[in-house]
Amino acid sequence: MTFAAATTAVAAAAVASPVEPRAARPEPVVNISVIRPKVGQFEAFLELQLAQHLRLRGKVKGLRGARLFRSEQGLVLISVFDTQADADLFREDPRFTEHMARVRPLIEKSEAGVFAEAYAVGMV
């Protein structure tokens, strides 16, 4: 499928699916990090990240879920919290700060931001 065809398919799905207004749902806080591990450290980073996920699964207040996407260029980590306060609390949690101390030496570059959902179509 070409990019144009994919874009057309997404647009058609958006028109066909009702878009739920933002105010009708509780607004989660979405943290998105784009991570580029150092050369030769990709698998080591993934191993530590998976271990952290398994260690904390179901144990972080307000964490709705997370996804880690990989490509040849790096990784994208998306974490969704109930509130900004929950996200801030976890950012100060020793379980997070100690994990960051372990993975930071493996990272060449990372960028992070906090986002709110603008619209939703379908299930992702």
PDB file of N, CA and C in Angstrom:
ATOM      1  N   MET A   1       0.846  -1.164   0.000  1.00  0.00           N
ATOM      2  CA  MET A   1       0.000   0.000   0.000  1.00  0.00           C
ATOM      3  C   MET A   1       0.894   1.230   0.000  1.00  0.00           C
ATOM      4  N   THR A   2       0.603   2.174  -0.855  1.00  0.00           N
ATOM      5  CA  THR A   2       1.392   3.398  -0.918  1.00  0.00           C
ATOM      6  C   THR A   2       1.017   4.301   0.241  1.00  0.00           C
ATOM      7  N   PHE A   3       1.859   5.312   0.491  1.00  0.00           N
ATOM      8  CA  PHE A   3       1.572   6.272   1.551  1.00  0.00           C
ATOM      9  C   PHE A   3       0.262   6.995   1.262  1.00  0.00           C
ATOM     10  N   ALA A   4       0.047   7.383  -0.009  1.00  0.00           N
ATOM     11  CA  ALA A   4      -1.184   8.085  -0.381  1.00  0.00           C
ATOM     12  C   ALA A   4      -2.405   7.208  -0.119  1.00  0.00           C
ATOM     13  N   ALA A   5      -2.316   5.927  -0.468  1.00  0.00           N
ATOM     14  CA  ALA A   5      -3.439   5.017  -0.236  1.00  0.00           C
ATOM     15  C   ALA A   5      -3.690   4.837   1.255  1.00  0.00           C
ATOM     16  N   ALA A   6      -2.622   4.730   2.022  1.00  0.00           N
ATOM     17  CA  ALA A   6      -2.766   4.581   3.472  1.00  0.00           C
ATOM     18  C   ALA A   6      -3.407   5.825   4.074  1.00  0.00           C
ATOM     19  N   THR A   7      -2.973   6.997   3.621  1.00  0.00           N
ATOM     20  CA  THR A   7      -3.533   8.253   4.115  1.00  0.00           C
ATOM     21  C   THR A   7      -5.015   8.341   3.776  1.00  0.00           C
ATOM     22  N   THR A   8      -5.366   7.948   2.562  1.00  0.00           N
ATOM     23  CA  THR A   8      -6.767   7.955   2.142  1.00  0.00           C
ATOM     24  C   THR A   8      -7.586   6.991   2.995  1.00  0.00           C
ATOM     25  N   ALA A   9      -7.038   5.819   3.291  1.00  0.00           N
ATOM     26  CA  ALA A   9      -7.739   4.838   4.120  1.00  0.00           C
ATOM     27  C   ALA A   9      -7.964   5.371   5.528  1.00  0.00           C
ATOM     28  N   VAL A  10      -6.967   6.043   6.089  1.00  0.00           N
ATOM     29  CA  VAL A  10      -7.106   6.621   7.428  1.00  0.00           C
ATOM     30  C   VAL A  10      -8.166   7.709   7.415  1.00  0.00           C
ATOM     31  N   ALA A  11      -8.146   8.563   6.392  1.00  0.00           N
ATOM     32  CA  ALA A  11      -9.138   9.635   6.289  1.00  0.00           C
ATOM     33  C   ALA A  11     -10.544   9.060   6.157  1.00  0.00           C
ATOM     34  N   ALA A  12     -10.704   8.006   5.358  1.00  0.00           N
ATOM     35  CA  ALA A  12     -12.014   7.373   5.189  1.00  0.00           C
ATOM     36  C   ALA A  12     -12.500   6.781   6.507  1.00  0.00           C
ATOM     37  N   ALA A  13     -11.602   6.164   7.251  1.00  0.00           N
ATOM     38  CA  ALA A  13     -11.971   5.594   8.552  1.00  0.00           C
ATOM     39  C   ALA A  13     -12.379   6.696   9.519  1.00  0.00           C
ATOM     40  N   ALA A  14     -11.690   7.829   9.443  1.00  0.00           N
ATOM     41  CA  ALA A  14     -12.006   8.952  10.327  1.00  0.00           C
ATOM     42  C   ALA A  14     -13.404   9.486  10.044  1.00  0.00           C
ATOM     43  N   VAL A  15     -13.775   9.557   8.769  1.00  0.00           N
ATOM     44  CA  VAL A  15     -15.100  10.042   8.400  1.00  0.00           C
ATOM     45  C   VAL A  15     -16.165   9.033   8.809  1.00  0.00           C
ATOM     46  N   ALA A  16     -15.873   7.743   8.648  1.00  0.00           N
ATOM     47  CA  ALA A  16     -16.844   6.693   8.940  1.00  0.00           C
ATOM     48  C   ALA A  16     -17.030   6.455  10.434  1.00  0.00           C
ATOM     49  N   SER A  17     -15.987   6.728  11.234  1.00  0.00           N
ATOM     50  CA  SER A  17     -16.049   6.480  12.672  1.00  0.00           C
ATOM     51  C   SER A  17     -16.419   7.758  13.401  1.00  0.00           C
ATOM     52  N   PRO A  18     -17.314   7.653  14.365  1.00  0.00           N
ATOM     53  CA  PRO A  18     -17.633   8.854  15.129  1.00  0.00           C
ATOM     54  C   PRO A  18     -16.426   9.272  15.969  1.00  0.00           C
ATOM     55  N   VAL A  19     -16.164  10.560  15.989  1.00  0.00           N
ATOM     56  CA  VAL A  19     -15.076  11.099  16.798  1.00  0.00           C
ATOM     57  C   VAL A  19     -15.682  11.547  18.106  1.00  0.00           C
ATOM     58  N   GLU A  20     -15.190  10.984  19.177  1.00  0.00           N
ATOM     59  CA  GLU A  20     -15.716  11.301  20.492  1.00  0.00           C
ATOM     60  C   GLU A  20     -15.128  12.628  20.954  1.00  0.00           C
ATOM     61  N   PRO A  21     -15.958  13.573  21.366  1.00  0.00           N
ATOM     62  CA  PRO A  21     -15.419  14.862  21.814  1.00  0.00           C
ATOM     63  C   PRO A  21     -14.506  14.684  23.018  1.00  0.00           C
ATOM     64  N   ARG A  22     -13.495  15.507  23.088  1.00  0.00           N
ATOM     65  CA  ARG A  22     -12.504  15.446  24.158  1.00  0.00           C
ATOM     66  C   ARG A  22     -13.166  15.554  25.531  1.00  0.00           C
ATOM     67  N   ALA A  23     -14.130  16.442  25.693  1.00  0.00           N
ATOM     68  CA  ALA A  23     -14.735  16.687  27.003  1.00  0.00           C
ATOM     69  C   ALA A  23     -15.547  15.493  27.499  1.00  0.00           C
ATOM     70  N   ALA A  24     -15.907  14.576  26.613  1.00  0.00           N
ATOM     71  CA  ALA A  24     -16.732  13.438  27.000  1.00  0.00           C
ATOM     72  C   ALA A  24     -15.948  12.348  27.716  1.00  0.00           C
ATOM     73  N   ARG A  25     -14.624  12.436  27.689  1.00  0.00           N
ATOM     74  CA  ARG A  25     -13.798  11.393  28.306  1.00  0.00           C
ATOM     75  C   ARG A  25     -12.794  12.029  29.265  1.00  0.00           C
ATOM     76  N   PRO A  26     -12.358  11.281  30.273  1.00  0.00           N
ATOM     77  CA  PRO A  26     -11.286  11.803  31.121  1.00  0.00           C
ATOM     78  C   PRO A  26     -10.023  11.978  30.281  1.00  0.00           C
ATOM     79  N   GLU A  27      -9.308  13.029  30.521  1.00  0.00           N
ATOM     80  CA  GLU A  27      -8.131  13.317  29.698  1.00  0.00           C
ATOM     81  C   GLU A  27      -6.869  12.711  30.298  1.00  0.00           C
ATOM     82  N   PRO A  28      -6.299  11.726  29.631  1.00  0.00           N
ATOM     83  CA  PRO A  28      -5.040  11.151  30.108  1.00  0.00           C
ATOM     84  C   PRO A  28      -3.863  12.053  29.752  1.00  0.00           C
ATOM     85  N   VAL A  29      -2.757  11.801  30.393  1.00  0.00           N
ATOM     86  CA  VAL A  29      -1.504  12.492  30.098  1.00  0.00           C
ATOM     87  C   VAL A  29      -0.614  11.495  29.363  1.00  0.00           C
ATOM     88  N   VAL A  30      -0.142  11.882  28.195  1.00  0.00           N
ATOM     89  CA  VAL A  30       0.643  10.996  27.341  1.00  0.00           C
ATOM     90  C   VAL A  30       2.082  11.497  27.287  1.00  0.00           C
ATOM     91  N   ASN A  31       3.004  10.682  27.766  1.00  0.00           N
ATOM     92  CA  ASN A  31       4.430  11.001  27.673  1.00  0.00           C
ATOM     93  C   ASN A  31       5.001  10.240  26.486  1.00  0.00           C
ATOM     94  N   ILE A  32       5.652  10.964  25.575  1.00  0.00           N
ATOM     95  CA  ILE A  32       6.261  10.334  24.404  1.00  0.00           C
ATOM     96  C   ILE A  32       7.747  10.642  24.413  1.00  0.00           C
ATOM     97  N   SER A  33       8.553   9.590  24.352  1.00  0.00           N
ATOM     98  CA  SER A  33      10.012   9.732  24.303  1.00  0.00           C
ATOM     99  C   SER A  33      10.531   9.089  23.026  1.00  0.00           C
ATOM    100  N   VAL A  34      11.365   9.826  22.312  1.00  0.00           N
ATOM    101  CA  VAL A  34      12.049   9.296  21.135  1.00  0.00           C
ATOM    102  C   VAL A  34      13.483   9.037  21.573  1.00  0.00           C
ATOM    103  N   ILE A  35      13.915   7.791  21.472  1.00  0.00           N
ATOM    104  CA  ILE A  35      15.191   7.361  22.052  1.00  0.00           C
ATOM    105  C   ILE A  35      16.072   6.762  20.971  1.00  0.00           C
ATOM    106  N   ARG A  36      17.314   7.228  20.925  1.00  0.00           N
ATOM    107  CA  ARG A  36      18.293   6.631  20.010  1.00  0.00           C
ATOM    108  C   ARG A  36      19.425   6.041  20.851  1.00  0.00           C
ATOM    109  N   PRO A  37      19.445   4.713  21.006  1.00  0.00           N
ATOM    110  CA  PRO A  37      20.539   4.085  21.756  1.00  0.00           C
ATOM    111  C   PRO A  37      21.873   4.273  21.031  1.00  0.00           C
ATOM    112  N   LYS A  38      22.944   4.215  21.796  1.00  0.00           N
ATOM    113  CA  LYS A  38      24.283   4.273  21.207  1.00  0.00           C
ATOM    114  C   LYS A  38      24.492   3.058  20.312  1.00  0.00           C
ATOM    115  N   VAL A  39      25.388   3.215  19.344  1.00  0.00           N
ATOM    116  CA  VAL A  39      25.720   2.110  18.444  1.00  0.00           C
ATOM    117  C   VAL A  39      26.142   0.902  19.274  1.00  0.00           C
ATOM    118  N   GLY A  40      25.561  -0.243  18.961  1.00  0.00           N
ATOM    119  CA  GLY A  40      25.895  -1.477  19.666  1.00  0.00           C
ATOM    120  C   GLY A  40      25.163  -1.669  20.986  1.00  0.00           C
ATOM    121  N   GLN A  41      24.317  -0.709  21.385  1.00  0.00           N
ATOM    122  CA  GLN A  41      23.629  -0.799  22.680  1.00  0.00           C
ATOM    123  C   GLN A  41      22.119  -0.997  22.556  1.00  0.00           C
ATOM    124  N   PHE A  42      21.634  -1.152  21.326  1.00  0.00           N
ATOM    125  CA  PHE A  42      20.196  -1.264  21.088  1.00  0.00           C
ATOM    126  C   PHE A  42      19.586  -2.420  21.885  1.00  0.00           C
ATOM    127  N   GLU A  43      20.145  -3.606  21.747  1.00  0.00           N
ATOM    128  CA  GLU A  43      19.590  -4.789  22.425  1.00  0.00           C
ATOM    129  C   GLU A  43      19.745  -4.699  23.937  1.00  0.00           C
ATOM    130  N   ALA A  44      20.856  -4.151  24.405  1.00  0.00           N
ATOM    131  CA  ALA A  44      21.053  -3.991  25.853  1.00  0.00           C
ATOM    132  C   ALA A  44      20.008  -3.039  26.426  1.00  0.00           C
ATOM    133  N   PHE A  45      19.735  -1.955  25.698  1.00  0.00           N
ATOM    134  CA  PHE A  45      18.703  -1.015  26.139  1.00  0.00           C
ATOM    135  C   PHE A  45      17.342  -1.712  26.193  1.00  0.00           C
ATOM    136  N   LEU A  46      17.002  -2.438  25.125  1.00  0.00           N
ATOM    137  CA  LEU A  46      15.718  -3.152  25.091  1.00  0.00           C
ATOM    138  C   LEU A  46      15.586  -4.132  26.252  1.00  0.00           C
ATOM    139  N   GLU A  47      16.656  -4.833  26.562  1.00  0.00           N
ATOM    140  CA  GLU A  47      16.635  -5.804  27.660  1.00  0.00           C
ATOM    141  C   GLU A  47      16.338  -5.120  28.992  1.00  0.00           C
ATOM    142  N   LEU A  48      16.999  -3.992  29.253  1.00  0.00           N
ATOM    143  CA  LEU A  48      16.753  -3.258  30.496  1.00  0.00           C
ATOM    144  C   LEU A  48      15.339  -2.685  30.535  1.00  0.00           C
ATOM    145  N   GLN A  49      14.872  -2.199  29.396  1.00  0.00           N
ATOM    146  CA  GLN A  49      13.535  -1.614  29.333  1.00  0.00           C
ATOM    147  C   GLN A  49      12.470  -2.678  29.588  1.00  0.00           C
ATOM    148  N   LEU A  50      12.638  -3.851  29.007  1.00  0.00           N
ATOM    149  CA  LEU A  50      11.686  -4.937  29.223  1.00  0.00           C
ATOM    150  C   LEU A  50      11.711  -5.400  30.685  1.00  0.00           C
ATOM    151  N   ALA A  51      12.889  -5.486  31.265  1.00  0.00           N
ATOM    152  CA  ALA A  51      13.001  -5.877  32.676  1.00  0.00           C
ATOM    153  C   ALA A  51      12.270  -4.869  33.569  1.00  0.00           C
ATOM    154  N   GLN A  52      12.403  -3.581  33.264  1.00  0.00           N
ATOM    155  CA  GLN A  52      11.712  -2.538  34.027  1.00  0.00           C
ATOM    156  C   GLN A  52      10.197  -2.707  33.887  1.00  0.00           C
ATOM    157  N   HIS A  53       9.750  -2.949  32.678  1.00  0.00           N
ATOM    158  CA  HIS A  53       8.317  -3.153  32.441  1.00  0.00           C
ATOM    159  C   HIS A  53       7.800  -4.338  33.267  1.00  0.00           C
ATOM    160  N   LEU A  54       8.497  -5.444  33.228  1.00  0.00           N
ATOM    161  CA  LEU A  54       8.061  -6.639  33.963  1.00  0.00           C
ATOM    162  C   LEU A  54       8.090  -6.409  35.471  1.00  0.00           C
ATOM    163  N   ARG A  55       9.074  -5.647  35.942  1.00  0.00           N
ATOM    164  CA  ARG A  55       9.213  -5.367  37.373  1.00  0.00           C
ATOM    165  C   ARG A  55       8.069  -4.478  37.886  1.00  0.00           C
ATOM    166  N   LEU A  56       7.601  -3.541  37.045  1.00  0.00           N
ATOM    167  CA  LEU A  56       6.633  -2.545  37.509  1.00  0.00           C
ATOM    168  C   LEU A  56       5.202  -2.776  37.046  1.00  0.00           C
ATOM    169  N   ARG A  57       4.989  -3.752  36.207  1.00  0.00           N
ATOM    170  CA  ARG A  57       3.661  -3.958  35.626  1.00  0.00           C
ATOM    171  C   ARG A  57       2.591  -4.043  36.713  1.00  0.00           C
ATOM    172  N   GLY A  58       1.602  -3.147  36.606  1.00  0.00           N
ATOM    173  CA  GLY A  58       0.499  -3.115  37.561  1.00  0.00           C
ATOM    174  C   GLY A  58       0.835  -2.495  38.902  1.00  0.00           C
ATOM    175  N   LYS A  59       2.021  -1.896  39.047  1.00  0.00           N
ATOM    176  CA  LYS A  59       2.461  -1.383  40.347  1.00  0.00           C
ATOM    177  C   LYS A  59       2.681   0.126  40.375  1.00  0.00           C
ATOM    178  N   VAL A  60       2.350   0.835  39.289  1.00  0.00           N
ATOM    179  CA  VAL A  60       2.576   2.283  39.234  1.00  0.00           C
ATOM    180  C   VAL A  60       1.224   2.991  39.256  1.00  0.00           C
ATOM    181  N   LYS A  61       1.010   3.816  40.280  1.00  0.00           N
ATOM    182  CA  LYS A  61      -0.258   4.526  40.432  1.00  0.00           C
ATOM    183  C   LYS A  61      -0.543   5.387  39.201  1.00  0.00           C
ATOM    184  N   GLY A  62      -1.722   5.191  38.637  1.00  0.00           N
ATOM    185  CA  GLY A  62      -2.177   6.037  37.544  1.00  0.00           C
ATOM    186  C   GLY A  62      -1.636   5.691  36.171  1.00  0.00           C
ATOM    187  N   LEU A  63      -0.763   4.697  36.071  1.00  0.00           N
ATOM    188  CA  LEU A  63      -0.222   4.320  34.761  1.00  0.00           C
ATOM    189  C   LEU A  63      -1.246   3.447  34.043  1.00  0.00           C
ATOM    190  N   ARG A  64      -1.797   3.977  32.959  1.00  0.00           N
ATOM    191  CA  ARG A  64      -2.798   3.232  32.180  1.00  0.00           C
ATOM    192  C   ARG A  64      -2.151   2.176  31.303  1.00  0.00           C
ATOM    193  N   GLY A  65      -0.956   2.473  30.815  1.00  0.00           N
ATOM    194  CA  GLY A  65      -0.269   1.525  29.950  1.00  0.00           C
ATOM    195  C   GLY A  65       0.876   2.193  29.226  1.00  0.00           C
ATOM    196  N   ALA A  66       1.627   1.389  28.494  1.00  0.00           N
ATOM    197  CA  ALA A  66       2.780   1.899  27.749  1.00  0.00           C
ATOM    198  C   ALA A  66       2.977   1.053  26.505  1.00  0.00           C
ATOM    199  N   ARG A  67       3.621   1.646  25.520  1.00  0.00           N
ATOM    200  CA  ARG A  67       3.984   0.952  24.285  1.00  0.00           C
ATOM    201  C   ARG A  67       5.400   1.368  23.918  1.00  0.00           C
ATOM    202  N   LEU A  68       6.164   0.401  23.432  1.00  0.00           N
ATOM    203  CA  LEU A  68       7.512   0.686  22.938  1.00  0.00           C
ATOM    204  C   LEU A  68       7.557   0.241  21.486  1.00  0.00           C
ATOM    205  N   PHE A  69       7.862   1.181  20.605  1.00  0.00           N
ATOM    206  CA  PHE A  69       7.959   0.902  19.175  1.00  0.00           C
ATOM    207  C   PHE A  69       9.420   0.996  18.769  1.00  0.00           C
ATOM    208  N   ARG A  70       9.840   0.118  17.848  1.00  0.00           N
ATOM    209  CA  ARG A  70      11.233   0.125  17.423  1.00  0.00           C
ATOM    210  C   ARG A  70      11.320   0.284  15.917  1.00  0.00           C
ATOM    211  N   SER A  71      12.421   0.880  15.472  1.00  0.00           N
ATOM    212  CA  SER A  71      12.741   0.980  14.048  1.00  0.00           C
ATOM    213  C   SER A  71      14.255   0.979  13.941  1.00  0.00           C
ATOM    214  N   GLU A  72      14.742   1.040  12.736  1.00  0.00           N
ATOM    215  CA  GLU A  72      16.197   1.097  12.538  1.00  0.00           C
ATOM    216  C   GLU A  72      16.781   2.395  13.091  1.00  0.00           C
ATOM    217  N   GLN A  73      15.955   3.447  13.164  1.00  0.00           N
ATOM    218  CA  GLN A  73      16.430   4.748  13.642  1.00  0.00           C
ATOM    219  C   GLN A  73      16.407   4.873  15.159  1.00  0.00           C
ATOM    220  N   GLY A  74      15.672   4.003  15.841  1.00  0.00           N
ATOM    221  CA  GLY A  74      15.603   4.103  17.290  1.00  0.00           C
ATOM    222  C   GLY A  74      14.288   3.584  17.824  1.00  0.00           C
ATOM    223  N   LEU A  75      13.867   4.153  18.942  1.00  0.00           N
ATOM    224  CA  LEU A  75      12.686   3.685  19.665  1.00  0.00           C
ATOM    225  C   LEU A  75      11.766   4.847  20.001  1.00  0.00           C
ATOM    226  N   VAL A  76      10.493   4.539  20.121  1.00  0.00           N
ATOM    227  CA  VAL A  76       9.518   5.503  20.615  1.00  0.00           C
ATOM    228  C   VAL A  76       8.795   4.834  21.778  1.00  0.00           C
ATOM    229  N   LEU A  77       8.857   5.464  22.947  1.00  0.00           N
ATOM    230  CA  LEU A  77       8.193   4.961  24.145  1.00  0.00           C
ATOM    231  C   LEU A  77       7.014   5.878  24.453  1.00  0.00           C
ATOM    232  N   ILE A  78       5.829   5.298  24.550  1.00  0.00           N
ATOM    233  CA  ILE A  78       4.623   6.057  24.875  1.00  0.00           C
ATOM    234  C   ILE A  78       4.075   5.510  26.182  1.00  0.00           C
ATOM    235  N   SER A  79       3.957   6.390  27.180  1.00  0.00           N
ATOM    236  CA  SER A  79       3.403   6.018  28.479  1.00  0.00           C
ATOM    237  C   SER A  79       2.198   6.910  28.744  1.00  0.00           C
ATOM    238  N   VAL A  80       1.099   6.312  29.198  1.00  0.00           N
ATOM    239  CA  VAL A  80      -0.131   7.063  29.420  1.00  0.00           C
ATOM    240  C   VAL A  80      -0.511   6.972  30.898  1.00  0.00           C
ATOM    241  N   PHE A  81      -0.686   8.146  31.513  1.00  0.00           N
ATOM    242  CA  PHE A  81      -1.051   8.248  32.924  1.00  0.00           C
ATOM    243  C   PHE A  81      -2.435   8.873  33.058  1.00  0.00           C
ATOM    244  N   ASP A  82      -3.118   8.566  34.160  1.00  0.00           N
ATOM    245  CA  ASP A  82      -4.428   9.157  34.425  1.00  0.00           C
ATOM    246  C   ASP A  82      -4.345  10.673  34.540  1.00  0.00           C
ATOM    247  N   THR A  83      -3.330  11.161  35.258  1.00  0.00           N
ATOM    248  CA  THR A  83      -3.208  12.603  35.506  1.00  0.00           C
ATOM    249  C   THR A  83      -1.747  13.032  35.417  1.00  0.00           C
ATOM    250  N   GLN A  84      -1.552  14.341  35.301  1.00  0.00           N
ATOM    251  CA  GLN A  84      -0.196  14.877  35.313  1.00  0.00           C
ATOM    252  C   GLN A  84       0.459  14.619  36.670  1.00  0.00           C
ATOM    253  N   ALA A  85      -0.333  14.686  37.740  1.00  0.00           N
ATOM    254  CA  ALA A  85       0.211  14.420  39.080  1.00  0.00           C
ATOM    255  C   ALA A  85       0.755  12.995  39.171  1.00  0.00           C
ATOM    256  N   ASP A  86       0.049  12.030  38.585  1.00  0.00           N
ATOM    257  CA  ASP A  86       0.539  10.645  38.585  1.00  0.00           C
ATOM    258  C   ASP A  86       1.857  10.537  37.819  1.00  0.00           C
ATOM    259  N   ALA A  87       1.931  11.198  36.666  1.00  0.00           N
ATOM    260  CA  ALA A  87       3.159  11.164  35.860  1.00  0.00           C
ATOM    261  C   ALA A  87       4.317  11.804  36.616  1.00  0.00           C
ATOM    262  N   ASP A  88       4.055  12.944  37.260  1.00  0.00           N
ATOM    263  CA  ASP A  88       5.098  13.640  38.022  1.00  0.00           C
ATOM    264  C   ASP A  88       5.574  12.802  39.204  1.00  0.00           C
ATOM    265  N   LEU A  89       4.639  12.163  39.885  1.00  0.00           N
ATOM    266  CA  LEU A  89       4.984  11.321  41.034  1.00  0.00           C
ATOM    267  C   LEU A  89       5.894  10.175  40.605  1.00  0.00           C
ATOM    268  N   PHE A  90       5.577   9.542  39.487  1.00  0.00           N
ATOM    269  CA  PHE A  90       6.410   8.436  39.012  1.00  0.00           C
ATOM    270  C   PHE A  90       7.789   8.927  38.575  1.00  0.00           C
ATOM    271  N   ARG A  91       7.852  10.117  37.982  1.00  0.00           N
ATOM    272  CA  ARG A  91       9.139  10.658  37.534  1.00  0.00           C
ATOM    273  C   ARG A  91      10.115  10.833  38.706  1.00  0.00           C
ATOM    274  N   GLU A  92       9.578  11.032  39.916  1.00  0.00           N
ATOM    275  CA  GLU A  92      10.411  11.188  41.116  1.00  0.00           C
ATOM    276  C   GLU A  92      10.604   9.871  41.872  1.00  0.00           C
ATOM    277  N   ASP A  93       9.910   8.835  41.463  1.00  0.00           N
ATOM    278  CA  ASP A  93       9.948   7.531  42.124  1.00  0.00           C
ATOM    279  C   ASP A  93      11.335   6.901  41.957  1.00  0.00           C
ATOM    280  N   PRO A  94      11.930   6.381  43.031  1.00  0.00           N
ATOM    281  CA  PRO A  94      13.244   5.738  42.920  1.00  0.00           C
ATOM    282  C   PRO A  94      13.273   4.594  41.900  1.00  0.00           C
ATOM    283  N   ARG A  95      12.153   3.915  41.722  1.00  0.00           N
ATOM    284  CA  ARG A  95      12.121   2.837  40.720  1.00  0.00           C
ATOM    285  C   ARG A  95      12.368   3.392  39.319  1.00  0.00           C
ATOM    286  N   PHE A  96      11.904   4.617  39.063  1.00  0.00           N
ATOM    287  CA  PHE A  96      12.138   5.255  37.763  1.00  0.00           C
ATOM    288  C   PHE A  96      13.531   5.878  37.703  1.00  0.00           C
ATOM    289  N   THR A  97      13.916   6.618  38.736  1.00  0.00           N
ATOM    290  CA  THR A  97      15.214   7.308  38.691  1.00  0.00           C
ATOM    291  C   THR A  97      16.376   6.318  38.649  1.00  0.00           C
ATOM    292  N   GLU A  98      16.241   5.195  39.350  1.00  0.00           N
ATOM    293  CA  GLU A  98      17.294   4.171  39.308  1.00  0.00           C
ATOM    294  C   GLU A  98      17.358   3.498  37.935  1.00  0.00           C
ATOM    295  N   HIS A  99      16.195   3.285  37.326  1.00  0.00           N
ATOM    296  CA  HIS A  99      16.163   2.723  35.968  1.00  0.00           C
ATOM    297  C   HIS A  99      16.848   3.683  34.992  1.00  0.00           C
ATOM    298  N   MET A 100      16.550   4.963  35.118  1.00  0.00           N
ATOM    299  CA  MET A 100      17.169   5.951  34.223  1.00  0.00           C
ATOM    300  C   MET A 100      18.684   5.973  34.404  1.00  0.00           C
ATOM    301  N   ALA A 101      19.158   5.812  35.617  1.00  0.00           N
ATOM    302  CA  ALA A 101      20.609   5.765  35.855  1.00  0.00           C
ATOM    303  C   ALA A 101      21.233   4.558  35.154  1.00  0.00           C
ATOM    304  N   ARG A 102      20.495   3.454  35.071  1.00  0.00           N
ATOM    305  CA  ARG A 102      21.005   2.260  34.384  1.00  0.00           C
ATOM    306  C   ARG A 102      21.010   2.417  32.866  1.00  0.00           C
ATOM    307  N   VAL A 103      19.963   3.028  32.299  1.00  0.00           N
ATOM    308  CA  VAL A 103      19.865   3.091  30.832  1.00  0.00           C
ATOM    309  C   VAL A 103      20.541   4.315  30.224  1.00  0.00           C
ATOM    310  N   ARG A 104      20.693   5.379  30.986  1.00  0.00           N
ATOM    311  CA  ARG A 104      21.267   6.618  30.433  1.00  0.00           C
ATOM    312  C   ARG A 104      22.611   6.396  29.736  1.00  0.00           C
ATOM    313  N   PRO A 105      23.529   5.583  30.275  1.00  0.00           N
ATOM    314  CA  PRO A 105      24.807   5.366  29.578  1.00  0.00           C
ATOM    315  C   PRO A 105      24.658   4.667  28.220  1.00  0.00           C
ATOM    316  N   LEU A 106      23.504   4.050  27.968  1.00  0.00           N
ATOM    317  CA  LEU A 106      23.277   3.339  26.707  1.00  0.00           C
ATOM    318  C   LEU A 106      22.643   4.226  25.633  1.00  0.00           C
ATOM    319  N   ILE A 107      22.271   5.448  26.007  1.00  0.00           N
ATOM    320  CA  ILE A 107      21.514   6.322  25.109  1.00  0.00           C
ATOM    321  C   ILE A 107      22.405   7.401  24.507  1.00  0.00           C
ATOM    322  N   GLU A 108      22.342   7.495  23.180  1.00  0.00           N
ATOM    323  CA  GLU A 108      23.045   8.575  22.493  1.00  0.00           C
ATOM    324  C   GLU A 108      22.242   9.864  22.548  1.00  0.00           C
ATOM    325  N   LYS A 109      20.937   9.754  22.290  1.00  0.00           N
ATOM    326  CA  LYS A 109      20.091  10.941  22.252  1.00  0.00           C
ATOM    327  C   LYS A 109      18.668  10.541  22.620  1.00  0.00           C
ATOM    328  N   SER A 110      17.993  11.427  23.346  1.00  0.00           N
ATOM    329  CA  SER A 110      16.572  11.198  23.614  1.00  0.00           C
ATOM    330  C   SER A 110      15.864  12.542  23.714  1.00  0.00           C
ATOM    331  N   GLU A 111      14.618  12.536  23.303  1.00  0.00           N
ATOM    332  CA  GLU A 111      13.763  13.716  23.412  1.00  0.00           C
ATOM    333  C   GLU A 111      12.439  13.251  23.986  1.00  0.00           C
ATOM    334  N   ALA A 112      11.884  14.047  24.885  1.00  0.00           N
ATOM    335  CA  ALA A 112      10.626  13.658  25.518  1.00  0.00           C
ATOM    336  C   ALA A 112       9.680  14.849  25.557  1.00  0.00           C
ATOM    337  N   GLY A 113       8.396  14.551  25.559  1.00  0.00           N
ATOM    338  CA  GLY A 113       7.383  15.587  25.665  1.00  0.00           C
ATOM    339  C   GLY A 113       6.118  15.028  26.271  1.00  0.00           C
ATOM    340  N   VAL A 114       5.280  15.944  26.759  1.00  0.00           N
ATOM    341  CA  VAL A 114       3.991  15.582  27.336  1.00  0.00           C
ATOM    342  C   VAL A 114       2.919  16.041  26.354  1.00  0.00           C
ATOM    343  N   PHE A 115       1.998  15.139  26.037  1.00  0.00           N
ATOM    344  CA  PHE A 115       0.986  15.416  25.030  1.00  0.00           C
ATOM    345  C   PHE A 115      -0.402  15.097  25.574  1.00  0.00           C
ATOM    346  N   ALA A 116      -1.405  15.748  24.998  1.00  0.00           N
ATOM    347  CA  ALA A 116      -2.805  15.428  25.263  1.00  0.00           C
ATOM    348  C   ALA A 116      -3.424  15.001  23.938  1.00  0.00           C
ATOM    349  N   GLU A 117      -4.349  14.088  24.014  1.00  0.00           N
ATOM    350  CA  GLU A 117      -4.998  13.585  22.808  1.00  0.00           C
ATOM    351  C   GLU A 117      -5.819  14.687  22.149  1.00  0.00           C
ATOM    352  N   ALA A 118      -5.645  14.872  20.846  1.00  0.00           N
ATOM    353  CA  ALA A 118      -6.409  15.864  20.094  1.00  0.00           C
ATOM    354  C   ALA A 118      -7.705  15.258  19.563  1.00  0.00           C
ATOM    355  N   TYR A 119      -7.648  14.014  19.102  1.00  0.00           N
ATOM    356  CA  TYR A 119      -8.836  13.286  18.668  1.00  0.00           C
ATOM    357  C   TYR A 119      -8.527  11.804  18.674  1.00  0.00           C
ATOM    358  N   ALA A 120      -9.575  10.989  18.595  1.00  0.00           N
ATOM    359  CA  ALA A 120      -9.393   9.539  18.599  1.00  0.00           C
ATOM    360  C   ALA A 120     -10.278   8.918  17.531  1.00  0.00           C
ATOM    361  N   VAL A 121      -9.699   8.012  16.760  1.00  0.00           N
ATOM    362  CA  VAL A 121     -10.438   7.258  15.750  1.00  0.00           C
ATOM    363  C   VAL A 121     -10.032   5.799  15.891  1.00  0.00           C
ATOM    364  N   GLY A 122     -10.967   4.929  16.138  1.00  0.00           N
ATOM    365  CA  GLY A 122     -10.664   3.510  16.237  1.00  0.00           C
ATOM    366  C   GLY A 122      -9.893   3.163  17.495  1.00  0.00           C
ATOM    367  N   MET A 123      -9.489   1.904  17.558  1.00  0.00           N
ATOM    368  CA  MET A 123      -8.723   1.398  18.696  1.00  0.00           C
ATOM    369  C   MET A 123      -7.272   1.244  18.292  1.00  0.00           C
ATOM    370  N   VAL A 124      -6.375   1.708  19.139  1.00  0.00           N
ATOM    371  CA  VAL A 124      -4.936   1.587  18.876  1.00  0.00           C
ATOM    372  C   VAL A 124      -4.323   0.774  19.988  1.00  0.00           C
TER     373      VAL A 124
END
